[in-house]
Amino acid sequence: MKFGLAVDESRSPFAVVAVTGEIDVATAPSLQAKLVELVTAGKVDLIVDLQGVDFLDSTGLGVLVSTVKRARSGGGDLSLVCTHPNLLKVFEITGLTKVFAINETLDAAVAERPGSIPG
C-alpha cells in the first residue's frame, strides 16, 4: 500500500492529518515533517487519523510521541483515530494508550476535546 498524507483544517480549531499506508522507517520522516510544519505554524490541536494505516513501527510511534510533546508544550494536544486491532495492540503493549486519546471515529475525536466545534 502506498503511503499518503492529507491535511484537513475545516474542523477548526483542529488540523486533521489522515494517513494511509504504512508508517515505518521509510515514511515516518514525511509524517514528522508535516506534523512539525503544522505545530510550527501554530496548529497545536491535532488529530491523526490512522484508519487508513495498516502498519506502524517504532519509528512511527516516535514521531507521534515527539509530536504530542510539541503540541502540548504549545498548549494543544494530539488525539488519534484508530480501530485497527493490530495498531491498537501496539499502543496497548507500549503503554501509549495512557499518552494518547484514541477514538473510533473522527467525530468522536473532535467531540471529546474541550472547546471543539462539531463538524
PDB file of N, CA and C in Angstrom:
ATOM      1  N   MET A   1       0.841  -1.187   0.000  1.00  0.00           N
ATOM      2  CA  MET A   1       0.000   0.000   0.000  1.00  0.00           C
ATOM      3  C   MET A   1       0.878   1.240   0.000  1.00  0.00           C
ATOM      4  N   LYS A   2       0.513   2.200  -0.792  1.00  0.00           N
ATOM      5  CA  LYS A   2       1.269   3.436  -0.912  1.00  0.00           C
ATOM      6  C   LYS A   2       0.987   4.358   0.272  1.00  0.00           C
ATOM      7  N   PHE A   3       2.023   5.050   0.743  1.00  0.00           N
ATOM      8  CA  PHE A   3       1.909   5.984   1.854  1.00  0.00           C
ATOM      9  C   PHE A   3       1.301   7.287   1.370  1.00  0.00           C
ATOM     10  N   GLY A   4       0.401   7.841   2.178  1.00  0.00           N
ATOM     11  CA  GLY A   4      -0.194   9.118   1.820  1.00  0.00           C
ATOM     12  C   GLY A   4      -0.543   9.940   3.046  1.00  0.00           C
ATOM     13  N   LEU A   5      -0.580  11.253   2.859  1.00  0.00           N
ATOM     14  CA  LEU A   5      -0.942  12.210   3.910  1.00  0.00           C
ATOM     15  C   LEU A   5      -1.928  13.206   3.330  1.00  0.00           C
ATOM     16  N   ALA A   6      -2.950  13.524   4.113  1.00  0.00           N
ATOM     17  CA  ALA A   6      -3.886  14.575   3.723  1.00  0.00           C
ATOM     18  C   ALA A   6      -4.209  15.385   4.966  1.00  0.00           C
ATOM     19  N   VAL A   7      -4.157  16.703   4.839  1.00  0.00           N
ATOM     20  CA  VAL A   7      -4.450  17.592   5.968  1.00  0.00           C
ATOM     21  C   VAL A   7      -5.774  18.289   5.706  1.00  0.00           C
ATOM     22  N   ASP A   8      -6.637  18.248   6.723  1.00  0.00           N
ATOM     23  CA  ASP A   8      -7.942  18.901   6.654  1.00  0.00           C
ATOM     24  C   ASP A   8      -8.033  19.873   7.823  1.00  0.00           C
ATOM     25  N   GLU A   9      -8.165  21.151   7.518  1.00  0.00           N
ATOM     26  CA  GLU A   9      -8.263  22.158   8.573  1.00  0.00           C
ATOM     27  C   GLU A   9      -9.681  22.722   8.679  1.00  0.00           C
ATOM     28  N   SER A  10     -10.666  22.017   8.137  1.00  0.00           N
ATOM     29  CA  SER A  10     -12.043  22.505   8.141  1.00  0.00           C
ATOM     30  C   SER A  10     -12.748  22.284   9.478  1.00  0.00           C
ATOM     31  N   ARG A  11     -12.139  21.542  10.383  1.00  0.00           N
ATOM     32  CA  ARG A  11     -12.742  21.278  11.695  1.00  0.00           C
ATOM     33  C   ARG A  11     -12.065  22.133  12.760  1.00  0.00           C
ATOM     34  N   SER A  12     -12.060  23.417  12.536  1.00  0.00           N
ATOM     35  CA  SER A  12     -11.404  24.369  13.420  1.00  0.00           C
ATOM     36  C   SER A  12     -11.825  24.131  14.872  1.00  0.00           C
ATOM     37  N   PRO A  13     -10.896  24.146  15.801  1.00  0.00           N
ATOM     38  CA  PRO A  13      -9.503  24.575  15.692  1.00  0.00           C
ATOM     39  C   PRO A  13      -8.540  23.440  15.351  1.00  0.00           C
ATOM     40  N   PHE A  14      -9.060  22.305  14.951  1.00  0.00           N
ATOM     41  CA  PHE A  14      -8.225  21.130  14.744  1.00  0.00           C
ATOM     42  C   PHE A  14      -7.645  21.051  13.337  1.00  0.00           C
ATOM     43  N   ALA A  15      -6.439  20.530  13.266  1.00  0.00           N
ATOM     44  CA  ALA A  15      -5.857  20.114  11.994  1.00  0.00           C
ATOM     45  C   ALA A  15      -5.915  18.591  12.022  1.00  0.00           C
ATOM     46  N   VAL A  16      -6.607  18.023  11.058  1.00  0.00           N
ATOM     47  CA  VAL A  16      -6.749  16.571  10.971  1.00  0.00           C
ATOM     48  C   VAL A  16      -5.779  16.070   9.912  1.00  0.00           C
ATOM     49  N   VAL A  17      -4.911  15.156  10.319  1.00  0.00           N
ATOM     50  CA  VAL A  17      -3.941  14.570   9.398  1.00  0.00           C
ATOM     51  C   VAL A  17      -4.343  13.119   9.175  1.00  0.00           C
ATOM     52  N   ALA A  18      -4.844  12.832   7.984  1.00  0.00           N
ATOM     53  CA  ALA A  18      -5.234  11.469   7.621  1.00  0.00           C
ATOM     54  C   ALA A  18      -4.045  10.794   6.952  1.00  0.00           C
ATOM     55  N   VAL A  19      -3.680   9.643   7.492  1.00  0.00           N
ATOM     56  CA  VAL A  19      -2.516   8.910   6.984  1.00  0.00           C
ATOM     57  C   VAL A  19      -3.005   7.602   6.374  1.00  0.00           C
ATOM     58  N   THR A  20      -2.409   7.216   5.252  1.00  0.00           N
ATOM     59  CA  THR A  20      -2.716   5.931   4.640  1.00  0.00           C
ATOM     60  C   THR A  20      -1.421   5.180   4.357  1.00  0.00           C
ATOM     61  N   GLY A  21      -1.528   3.866   4.352  1.00  0.00           N
ATOM     62  CA  GLY A  21      -0.376   3.019   4.057  1.00  0.00           C
ATOM     63  C   GLY A  21       0.355   2.579   5.300  1.00  0.00           C
ATOM     64  N   GLU A  22       1.652   2.508   5.198  1.00  0.00           N
ATOM     65  CA  GLU A  22       2.495   2.059   6.301  1.00  0.00           C
ATOM     66  C   GLU A  22       3.315   3.214   6.847  1.00  0.00           C
ATOM     67  N   ILE A  23       3.407   3.275   8.181  1.00  0.00           N
ATOM     68  CA  ILE A  23       4.274   4.270   8.812  1.00  0.00           C
ATOM     69  C   ILE A  23       5.470   3.504   9.354  1.00  0.00           C
ATOM     70  N   ASP A  24       6.599   3.653   8.663  1.00  0.00           N
ATOM     71  CA  ASP A  24       7.801   2.919   9.030  1.00  0.00           C
ATOM     72  C   ASP A  24       9.024   3.816   8.847  1.00  0.00           C
ATOM     73  N   VAL A  25      10.187   3.225   8.907  1.00  0.00           N
ATOM     74  CA  VAL A  25      11.419   3.999   8.828  1.00  0.00           C
ATOM     75  C   VAL A  25      11.518   4.795   7.517  1.00  0.00           C
ATOM     76  N   ALA A  26      10.890   4.303   6.460  1.00  0.00           N
ATOM     77  CA  ALA A  26      10.950   4.998   5.169  1.00  0.00           C
ATOM     78  C   ALA A  26       9.952   6.150   5.072  1.00  0.00           C
ATOM     79  N   THR A  27       8.797   6.028   5.725  1.00  0.00           N
ATOM     80  CA  THR A  27       7.738   7.024   5.574  1.00  0.00           C
ATOM     81  C   THR A  27       7.577   7.954   6.774  1.00  0.00           C
ATOM     82  N   ALA A  28       8.070   7.552   7.933  1.00  0.00           N
ATOM     83  CA  ALA A  28       7.917   8.363   9.149  1.00  0.00           C
ATOM     84  C   ALA A  28       8.492   9.777   9.000  1.00  0.00           C
ATOM     85  N   PRO A  29       9.617   9.965   8.311  1.00  0.00           N
ATOM     86  CA  PRO A  29      10.126  11.335   8.164  1.00  0.00           C
ATOM     87  C   PRO A  29       9.144  12.278   7.458  1.00  0.00           C
ATOM     88  N   SER A  30       8.399  11.773   6.500  1.00  0.00           N
ATOM     89  CA  SER A  30       7.396  12.607   5.821  1.00  0.00           C
ATOM     90  C   SER A  30       6.284  13.010   6.782  1.00  0.00           C
ATOM     91  N   LEU A  31       5.839  12.052   7.592  1.00  0.00           N
ATOM     92  CA  LEU A  31       4.809  12.345   8.582  1.00  0.00           C
ATOM     93  C   LEU A  31       5.337  13.343   9.601  1.00  0.00           C
ATOM     94  N   GLN A  32       6.548  13.137  10.063  1.00  0.00           N
ATOM     95  CA  GLN A  32       7.125  14.046  11.046  1.00  0.00           C
ATOM     96  C   GLN A  32       7.251  15.454  10.481  1.00  0.00           C
ATOM     97  N   ALA A  33       7.716  15.564   9.260  1.00  0.00           N
ATOM     98  CA  ALA A  33       7.874  16.884   8.647  1.00  0.00           C
ATOM     99  C   ALA A  33       6.540  17.621   8.573  1.00  0.00           C
ATOM    100  N   LYS A  34       5.482  16.923   8.201  1.00  0.00           N
ATOM    101  CA  LYS A  34       4.167  17.552   8.096  1.00  0.00           C
ATOM    102  C   LYS A  34       3.658  17.966   9.471  1.00  0.00           C
ATOM    103  N   LEU A  35       3.814  17.103  10.479  1.00  0.00           N
ATOM    104  CA  LEU A  35       3.337  17.427  11.824  1.00  0.00           C
ATOM    105  C   LEU A  35       4.123  18.586  12.432  1.00  0.00           C
ATOM    106  N   VAL A  36       5.432  18.600  12.237  1.00  0.00           N
ATOM    107  CA  VAL A  36       6.259  19.711  12.736  1.00  0.00           C
ATOM    108  C   VAL A  36       5.853  21.011  12.040  1.00  0.00           C
ATOM    109  N   GLU A  37       5.609  20.937  10.745  1.00  0.00           N
ATOM    110  CA  GLU A  37       5.176  22.115   9.988  1.00  0.00           C
ATOM    111  C   GLU A  37       3.877  22.681  10.566  1.00  0.00           C
ATOM    112  N   LEU A  38       2.927  21.810  10.869  1.00  0.00           N
ATOM    113  CA  LEU A  38       1.649  22.263  11.422  1.00  0.00           C
ATOM    114  C   LEU A  38       1.823  22.914  12.791  1.00  0.00           C
ATOM    115  N   VAL A  39       2.573  22.248  13.676  1.00  0.00           N
ATOM    116  CA  VAL A  39       2.778  22.784  15.027  1.00  0.00           C
ATOM    117  C   VAL A  39       3.531  24.109  14.960  1.00  0.00           C
ATOM    118  N   THR A  40       4.538  24.179  14.116  1.00  0.00           N
ATOM    119  CA  THR A  40       5.313  25.407  13.964  1.00  0.00           C
ATOM    120  C   THR A  40       4.436  26.558  13.476  1.00  0.00           C
ATOM    121  N   ALA A  41       3.432  26.228  12.670  1.00  0.00           N
ATOM    122  CA  ALA A  41       2.500  27.234  12.155  1.00  0.00           C
ATOM    123  C   ALA A  41       1.402  27.571  13.165  1.00  0.00           C
ATOM    124  N   GLY A  42       1.493  26.994  14.365  1.00  0.00           N
ATOM    125  CA  GLY A  42       0.516  27.301  15.408  1.00  0.00           C
ATOM    126  C   GLY A  42      -0.666  26.359  15.473  1.00  0.00           C
ATOM    127  N   LYS A  43      -0.667  25.327  14.652  1.00  0.00           N
ATOM    128  CA  LYS A  43      -1.749  24.325  14.668  1.00  0.00           C
ATOM    129  C   LYS A  43      -1.386  23.263  15.710  1.00  0.00           C
ATOM    130  N   VAL A  44      -1.694  23.563  16.978  1.00  0.00           N
ATOM    131  CA  VAL A  44      -1.275  22.673  18.065  1.00  0.00           C
ATOM    132  C   VAL A  44      -2.377  21.712  18.500  1.00  0.00           C
ATOM    133  N   ASP A  45      -3.584  21.866  17.952  1.00  0.00           N
ATOM    134  CA  ASP A  45      -4.668  20.928  18.220  1.00  0.00           C
ATOM    135  C   ASP A  45      -4.753  19.983  17.031  1.00  0.00           C
ATOM    136  N   LEU A  46      -4.160  18.806  17.205  1.00  0.00           N
ATOM    137  CA  LEU A  46      -4.015  17.863  16.098  1.00  0.00           C
ATOM    138  C   LEU A  46      -4.811  16.584  16.336  1.00  0.00           C
ATOM    139  N   ILE A  47      -5.340  16.051  15.253  1.00  0.00           N
ATOM    140  CA  ILE A  47      -5.945  14.727  15.264  1.00  0.00           C
ATOM    141  C   ILE A  47      -5.288  13.965  14.127  1.00  0.00           C
ATOM    142  N   VAL A  48      -4.668  12.836  14.452  1.00  0.00           N
ATOM    143  CA  VAL A  48      -4.059  11.999  13.433  1.00  0.00           C
ATOM    144  C   VAL A  48      -4.987  10.809  13.203  1.00  0.00           C
ATOM    145  N   ASP A  49      -5.514  10.727  11.995  1.00  0.00           N
ATOM    146  CA  ASP A  49      -6.453   9.680  11.615  1.00  0.00           C
ATOM    147  C   ASP A  49      -5.658   8.518  11.012  1.00  0.00           C
ATOM    148  N   LEU A  50      -5.619   7.419  11.755  1.00  0.00           N
ATOM    149  CA  LEU A  50      -4.851   6.241  11.345  1.00  0.00           C
ATOM    150  C   LEU A  50      -5.730   5.154  10.725  1.00  0.00           C
ATOM    151  N   GLN A  51      -6.966   5.494  10.369  1.00  0.00           N
ATOM    152  CA  GLN A  51      -7.883   4.487   9.837  1.00  0.00           C
ATOM    153  C   GLN A  51      -7.362   3.837   8.549  1.00  0.00           C
ATOM    154  N   GLY A  52      -6.566   4.557   7.786  1.00  0.00           N
ATOM    155  CA  GLY A  52      -6.035   4.007   6.541  1.00  0.00           C
ATOM    156  C   GLY A  52      -4.652   3.402   6.680  1.00  0.00           C
ATOM    157  N   VAL A  53      -4.179   3.264   7.927  1.00  0.00           N
ATOM    158  CA  VAL A  53      -2.835   2.730   8.171  1.00  0.00           C
ATOM    159  C   VAL A  53      -2.936   1.254   8.529  1.00  0.00           C
ATOM    160  N   ASP A  54      -2.105   0.442   7.892  1.00  0.00           N
ATOM    161  CA  ASP A  54      -2.135  -0.988   8.213  1.00  0.00           C
ATOM    162  C   ASP A  54      -0.856  -1.479   8.892  1.00  0.00           C
ATOM    163  N   PHE A  55       0.123  -0.590   9.072  1.00  0.00           N
ATOM    164  CA  PHE A  55       1.361  -0.970   9.761  1.00  0.00           C
ATOM    165  C   PHE A  55       1.980   0.264  10.375  1.00  0.00           C
ATOM    166  N   LEU A  56       2.467   0.114  11.607  1.00  0.00           N
ATOM    167  CA  LEU A  56       3.103   1.207  12.334  1.00  0.00           C
ATOM    168  C   LEU A  56       4.269   0.618  13.117  1.00  0.00           C
ATOM    169  N   ASP A  57       5.485   1.112  12.843  1.00  0.00           N
ATOM    170  CA  ASP A  57       6.637   0.594  13.582  1.00  0.00           C
ATOM    171  C   ASP A  57       7.085   1.594  14.647  1.00  0.00           C
ATOM    172  N   SER A  58       8.195   1.282  15.308  1.00  0.00           N
ATOM    173  CA  SER A  58       8.674   2.120  16.412  1.00  0.00           C
ATOM    174  C   SER A  58       9.067   3.520  15.937  1.00  0.00           C
ATOM    175  N   THR A  59       9.487   3.646  14.691  1.00  0.00           N
ATOM    176  CA  THR A  59       9.819   4.959  14.153  1.00  0.00           C
ATOM    177  C   THR A  59       8.569   5.831  14.103  1.00  0.00           C
ATOM    178  N   GLY A  60       7.478   5.255  13.653  1.00  0.00           N
ATOM    179  CA  GLY A  60       6.212   5.968  13.602  1.00  0.00           C
ATOM    180  C   GLY A  60       5.719   6.339  14.989  1.00  0.00           C
ATOM    181  N   LEU A  61       5.873   5.418  15.932  1.00  0.00           N
ATOM    182  CA  LEU A  61       5.488   5.716  17.317  1.00  0.00           C
ATOM    183  C   LEU A  61       6.294   6.893  17.845  1.00  0.00           C
ATOM    184  N   GLY A  62       7.578   6.921  17.530  1.00  0.00           N
ATOM    185  CA  GLY A  62       8.444   8.014  17.962  1.00  0.00           C
ATOM    186  C   GLY A  62       7.988   9.346  17.412  1.00  0.00           C
ATOM    187  N   VAL A  63       7.543   9.364  16.169  1.00  0.00           N
ATOM    188  CA  VAL A  63       7.044  10.592  15.556  1.00  0.00           C
ATOM    189  C   VAL A  63       5.803  11.080  16.305  1.00  0.00           C
ATOM    190  N   LEU A  64       4.888  10.168  16.614  1.00  0.00           N
ATOM    191  CA  LEU A  64       3.664  10.557  17.314  1.00  0.00           C
ATOM    192  C   LEU A  64       3.964  11.063  18.724  1.00  0.00           C
ATOM    193  N   VAL A  65       4.881  10.392  19.419  1.00  0.00           N
ATOM    194  CA  VAL A  65       5.230  10.809  20.781  1.00  0.00           C
ATOM    195  C   VAL A  65       5.908  12.179  20.769  1.00  0.00           C
ATOM    196  N   SER A  66       6.844  12.380  19.857  1.00  0.00           N
ATOM    197  CA  SER A  66       7.522  13.685  19.820  1.00  0.00           C
ATOM    198  C   SER A  66       6.543  14.801  19.445  1.00  0.00           C
ATOM    199  N   THR A  67       5.576  14.483  18.585  1.00  0.00           N
ATOM    200  CA  THR A  67       4.601  15.499  18.182  1.00  0.00           C
ATOM    201  C   THR A  67       3.646  15.838  19.313  1.00  0.00           C
ATOM    202  N   VAL A  68       3.208  14.842  20.082  1.00  0.00           N
ATOM    203  CA  VAL A  68       2.302  15.151  21.191  1.00  0.00           C
ATOM    204  C   VAL A  68       3.013  16.032  22.208  1.00  0.00           C
ATOM    205  N   LYS A  69       4.305  15.823  22.406  1.00  0.00           N
ATOM    206  CA  LYS A  69       5.073  16.681  23.316  1.00  0.00           C
ATOM    207  C   LYS A  69       5.119  18.112  22.796  1.00  0.00           C
ATOM    208  N   ARG A  70       5.381  18.271  21.499  1.00  0.00           N
ATOM    209  CA  ARG A  70       5.430  19.611  20.887  1.00  0.00           C
ATOM    210  C   ARG A  70       4.070  20.299  20.999  1.00  0.00           C
ATOM    211  N   ALA A  71       3.019  19.553  20.684  1.00  0.00           N
ATOM    212  CA  ALA A  71       1.674  20.133  20.710  1.00  0.00           C
ATOM    213  C   ALA A  71       1.309  20.574  22.128  1.00  0.00           C
ATOM    214  N   ARG A  72       1.585  19.729  23.102  1.00  0.00           N
ATOM    215  CA  ARG A  72       1.246  20.064  24.486  1.00  0.00           C
ATOM    216  C   ARG A  72       2.074  21.230  25.001  1.00  0.00           C
ATOM    217  N   SER A  73       3.317  21.326  24.583  1.00  0.00           N
ATOM    218  CA  SER A  73       4.137  22.456  25.028  1.00  0.00           C
ATOM    219  C   SER A  73       3.618  23.770  24.446  1.00  0.00           C
ATOM    220  N   GLY A  74       2.870  23.679  23.349  1.00  0.00           N
ATOM    221  CA  GLY A  74       2.267  24.859  22.745  1.00  0.00           C
ATOM    222  C   GLY A  74       0.832  25.099  23.186  1.00  0.00           C
ATOM    223  N   GLY A  75       0.381  24.323  24.177  1.00  0.00           N
ATOM    224  CA  GLY A  75      -0.973  24.499  24.694  1.00  0.00           C
ATOM    225  C   GLY A  75      -2.035  23.673  23.994  1.00  0.00           C
ATOM    226  N   GLY A  76      -1.624  22.768  23.126  1.00  0.00           N
ATOM    227  CA  GLY A  76      -2.579  21.929  22.401  1.00  0.00           C
ATOM    228  C   GLY A  76      -2.491  20.485  22.820  1.00  0.00           C
ATOM    229  N   ASP A  77      -2.861  19.601  21.908  1.00  0.00           N
ATOM    230  CA  ASP A  77      -2.810  18.166  22.168  1.00  0.00           C
ATOM    231  C   ASP A  77      -2.880  17.427  20.839  1.00  0.00           C
ATOM    232  N   LEU A  78      -2.664  16.134  20.896  1.00  0.00           N
ATOM    233  CA  LEU A  78      -2.751  15.271  19.726  1.00  0.00           C
ATOM    234  C   LEU A  78      -3.594  14.071  20.100  1.00  0.00           C
ATOM    235  N   SER A  79      -4.651  13.840  19.342  1.00  0.00           N
ATOM    236  CA  SER A  79      -5.509  12.671  19.516  1.00  0.00           C
ATOM    237  C   SER A  79      -5.369  11.782  18.293  1.00  0.00           C
ATOM    238  N   LEU A  80      -5.746  10.530  18.464  1.00  0.00           N
ATOM    239  CA  LEU A  80      -5.678   9.564  17.371  1.00  0.00           C
ATOM    240  C   LEU A  80      -7.062   9.015  17.057  1.00  0.00           C
ATOM    241  N   VAL A  81      -7.263   8.661  15.795  1.00  0.00           N
ATOM    242  CA  VAL A  81      -8.432   7.899  15.376  1.00  0.00           C
ATOM    243  C   VAL A  81      -7.889   6.576  14.869  1.00  0.00           C
ATOM    244  N   CYS A  82      -8.304   5.485  15.532  1.00  0.00           N
ATOM    245  CA  CYS A  82      -7.754   4.176  15.177  1.00  0.00           C
ATOM    246  C   CYS A  82      -8.683   3.071  15.652  1.00  0.00           C
ATOM    247  N   THR A  83      -8.979   2.139  14.757  1.00  0.00           N
ATOM    248  CA  THR A  83      -9.751   0.952  15.134  1.00  0.00           C
ATOM    249  C   THR A  83      -9.055  -0.339  14.701  1.00  0.00           C
ATOM    250  N   HIS A  84      -7.945  -0.225  14.007  1.00  0.00           N
ATOM    251  CA  HIS A  84      -7.238  -1.406  13.507  1.00  0.00           C
ATOM    252  C   HIS A  84      -6.696  -2.199  14.698  1.00  0.00           C
ATOM    253  N   PRO A  85      -7.119  -3.455  14.859  1.00  0.00           N
ATOM    254  CA  PRO A  85      -6.713  -4.244  16.036  1.00  0.00           C
ATOM    255  C   PRO A  85      -5.202  -4.354  16.222  1.00  0.00           C
ATOM    256  N   ASN A  86      -4.458  -4.513  15.146  1.00  0.00           N
ATOM    257  CA  ASN A  86      -3.005  -4.652  15.271  1.00  0.00           C
ATOM    258  C   ASN A  86      -2.355  -3.362  15.757  1.00  0.00           C
ATOM    259  N   LEU A  87      -2.849  -2.237  15.280  1.00  0.00           N
ATOM    260  CA  LEU A  87      -2.300  -0.961  15.732  1.00  0.00           C
ATOM    261  C   LEU A  87      -2.687  -0.698  17.181  1.00  0.00           C
ATOM    262  N   LEU A  88      -3.936  -0.980  17.526  1.00  0.00           N
ATOM    263  CA  LEU A  88      -4.371  -0.790  18.910  1.00  0.00           C
ATOM    264  C   LEU A  88      -3.535  -1.625  19.865  1.00  0.00           C
ATOM    265  N   LYS A  89      -3.186  -2.819  19.438  1.00  0.00           N
ATOM    266  CA  LYS A  89      -2.355  -3.694  20.269  1.00  0.00           C
ATOM    267  C   LYS A  89      -0.980  -3.073  20.510  1.00  0.00           C
ATOM    268  N   VAL A  90      -0.412  -2.450  19.487  1.00  0.00           N
ATOM    269  CA  VAL A  90       0.881  -1.773  19.633  1.00  0.00           C
ATOM    270  C   VAL A  90       0.778  -0.658  20.674  1.00  0.00           C
ATOM    271  N   PHE A  91      -0.287   0.127  20.600  1.00  0.00           N
ATOM    272  CA  PHE A  91      -0.464   1.215  21.574  1.00  0.00           C
ATOM    273  C   PHE A  91      -0.654   0.660  22.988  1.00  0.00           C
ATOM    274  N   GLU A  92      -1.379  -0.442  23.103  1.00  0.00           N
ATOM    275  CA  GLU A  92      -1.599  -1.054  24.425  1.00  0.00           C
ATOM    276  C   GLU A  92      -0.306  -1.623  24.995  1.00  0.00           C
ATOM    277  N   ILE A  93       0.429  -2.373  24.192  1.00  0.00           N
ATOM    278  CA  ILE A  93       1.669  -3.014  24.656  1.00  0.00           C
ATOM    279  C   ILE A  93       2.694  -1.983  25.094  1.00  0.00           C
ATOM    280  N   THR A  94       2.764  -0.886  24.377  1.00  0.00           N
ATOM    281  CA  THR A  94       3.759   0.150  24.686  1.00  0.00           C
ATOM    282  C   THR A  94       3.304   1.108  25.794  1.00  0.00           C
ATOM    283  N   GLY A  95       2.072   0.973  26.229  1.00  0.00           N
ATOM    284  CA  GLY A  95       1.551   1.855  27.264  1.00  0.00           C
ATOM    285  C   GLY A  95       1.136   3.211  26.740  1.00  0.00           C
ATOM    286  N   LEU A  96       1.116   3.375  25.422  1.00  0.00           N
ATOM    287  CA  LEU A  96       0.792   4.679  24.846  1.00  0.00           C
ATOM    288  C   LEU A  96      -0.702   5.003  24.865  1.00  0.00           C
ATOM    289  N   THR A  97      -1.525   4.045  25.296  1.00  0.00           N
ATOM    290  CA  THR A  97      -2.946   4.352  25.472  1.00  0.00           C
ATOM    291  C   THR A  97      -3.124   5.339  26.627  1.00  0.00           C
ATOM    292  N   LYS A  98      -2.093   5.468  27.461  1.00  0.00           N
ATOM    293  CA  LYS A  98      -2.143   6.441  28.555  1.00  0.00           C
ATOM    294  C   LYS A  98      -1.647   7.819  28.102  1.00  0.00           C
ATOM    295  N   VAL A  99      -1.000   7.868  26.953  1.00  0.00           N
ATOM    296  CA  VAL A  99      -0.453   9.123  26.425  1.00  0.00           C
ATOM    297  C   VAL A  99      -1.430   9.771  25.447  1.00  0.00           C
ATOM    298  N   PHE A 100      -2.052   8.952  24.609  1.00  0.00           N
ATOM    299  CA  PHE A 100      -2.941   9.442  23.562  1.00  0.00           C
ATOM    300  C   PHE A 100      -4.391   9.110  23.856  1.00  0.00           C
ATOM    301  N   ALA A 101      -5.286  10.039  23.532  1.00  0.00           N
ATOM    302  CA  ALA A 101      -6.706   9.711  23.457  1.00  0.00           C
ATOM    303  C   ALA A 101      -6.887   9.011  22.117  1.00  0.00           C
ATOM    304  N   ILE A 102      -7.403   7.793  22.158  1.00  0.00           N
ATOM    305  CA  ILE A 102      -7.604   7.018  20.932  1.00  0.00           C
ATOM    306  C   ILE A 102      -9.102   6.840  20.733  1.00  0.00           C
ATOM    307  N   ASN A 103      -9.592   7.308  19.599  1.00  0.00           N
ATOM    308  CA  ASN A 103     -11.021   7.315  19.297  1.00  0.00           C
ATOM    309  C   ASN A 103     -11.334   6.418  18.117  1.00  0.00           C
ATOM    310  N   GLU A 104     -12.602   5.981  18.051  1.00  0.00           N
ATOM    311  CA  GLU A 104     -13.034   5.110  16.961  1.00  0.00           C
ATOM    312  C   GLU A 104     -13.408   5.878  15.704  1.00  0.00           C
ATOM    313  N   THR A 105     -13.778   7.155  15.872  1.00  0.00           N
ATOM    314  CA  THR A 105     -14.179   7.959  14.721  1.00  0.00           C
ATOM    315  C   THR A 105     -13.601   9.368  14.849  1.00  0.00           C
ATOM    316  N   LEU A 106     -13.541  10.050  13.738  1.00  0.00           N
ATOM    317  CA  LEU A 106     -13.092  11.436  13.730  1.00  0.00           C
ATOM    318  C   LEU A 106     -14.073  12.303  14.517  1.00  0.00           C
ATOM    319  N   ASP A 107     -15.356  12.067  14.350  1.00  0.00           N
ATOM    320  CA  ASP A 107     -16.354  12.840  15.094  1.00  0.00           C
ATOM    321  C   ASP A 107     -16.162  12.678  16.596  1.00  0.00           C
ATOM    322  N   ALA A 108     -15.851  11.471  17.047  1.00  0.00           N
ATOM    323  CA  ALA A 108     -15.619  11.237  18.480  1.00  0.00           C
ATOM    324  C   ALA A 108     -14.374  11.985  18.956  1.00  0.00           C
ATOM    325  N   ALA A 109     -13.345  12.004  18.136  1.00  0.00           N
ATOM    326  CA  ALA A 109     -12.111  12.724  18.497  1.00  0.00           C
ATOM    327  C   ALA A 109     -12.368  14.219  18.627  1.00  0.00           C
ATOM    328  N   VAL A 110     -13.146  14.767  17.720  1.00  0.00           N
ATOM    329  CA  VAL A 110     -13.469  16.189  17.765  1.00  0.00           C
ATOM    330  C   VAL A 110     -14.340  16.488  18.984  1.00  0.00           C
ATOM    331  N   ALA A 111     -15.326  15.652  19.232  1.00  0.00           N
ATOM    332  CA  ALA A 111     -16.280  15.888  20.315  1.00  0.00           C
ATOM    333  C   ALA A 111     -15.642  15.811  21.694  1.00  0.00           C
ATOM    334  N   GLU A 112     -14.623  14.993  21.861  1.00  0.00           N
ATOM    335  CA  GLU A 112     -14.040  14.802  23.192  1.00  0.00           C
ATOM    336  C   GLU A 112     -13.135  15.936  23.627  1.00  0.00           C
ATOM    337  N   ARG A 113     -12.687  16.734  22.695  1.00  0.00           N
ATOM    338  CA  ARG A 113     -11.724  17.782  23.004  1.00  0.00           C
ATOM    339  C   ARG A 113     -12.417  19.048  23.472  1.00  0.00           C
ATOM    340  N   PRO A 114     -11.970  19.631  24.579  1.00  0.00           N
ATOM    341  CA  PRO A 114     -12.568  20.869  25.067  1.00  0.00           C
ATOM    342  C   PRO A 114     -12.491  21.980  24.020  1.00  0.00           C
ATOM    343  N   GLY A 115     -13.564  22.745  23.924  1.00  0.00           N
ATOM    344  CA  GLY A 115     -13.582  23.872  23.003  1.00  0.00           C
ATOM    345  C   GLY A 115     -13.792  23.483  21.559  1.00  0.00           C
ATOM    346  N   SER A 116     -14.133  22.214  21.335  1.00  0.00           N
ATOM    347  CA  SER A 116     -14.291  21.764  19.959  1.00  0.00           C
ATOM    348  C   SER A 116     -15.626  22.240  19.381  1.00  0.00           C
ATOM    349  N   ILE A 117     -15.622  22.374  18.083  1.00  0.00           N
ATOM    350  CA  ILE A 117     -16.827  22.757  17.354  1.00  0.00           C
ATOM    351  C   ILE A 117     -17.187  21.566  16.491  1.00  0.00           C
ATOM    352  N   PRO A 118     -18.334  20.906  16.737  1.00  0.00           N
ATOM    353  CA  PRO A 118     -18.688  19.741  15.938  1.00  0.00           C
ATOM    354  C   PRO A 118     -18.737  20.082  14.455  1.00  0.00           C
ATOM    355  N   GLY A 119     -18.205  19.139  13.637  1.00  0.00           N
ATOM    356  CA  GLY A 119     -18.155  19.405  12.202  1.00  0.00           C
ATOM    357  C   GLY A 119     -19.202  18.697  11.500  1.00  0.00           C
TER     358      GLY A 119
END
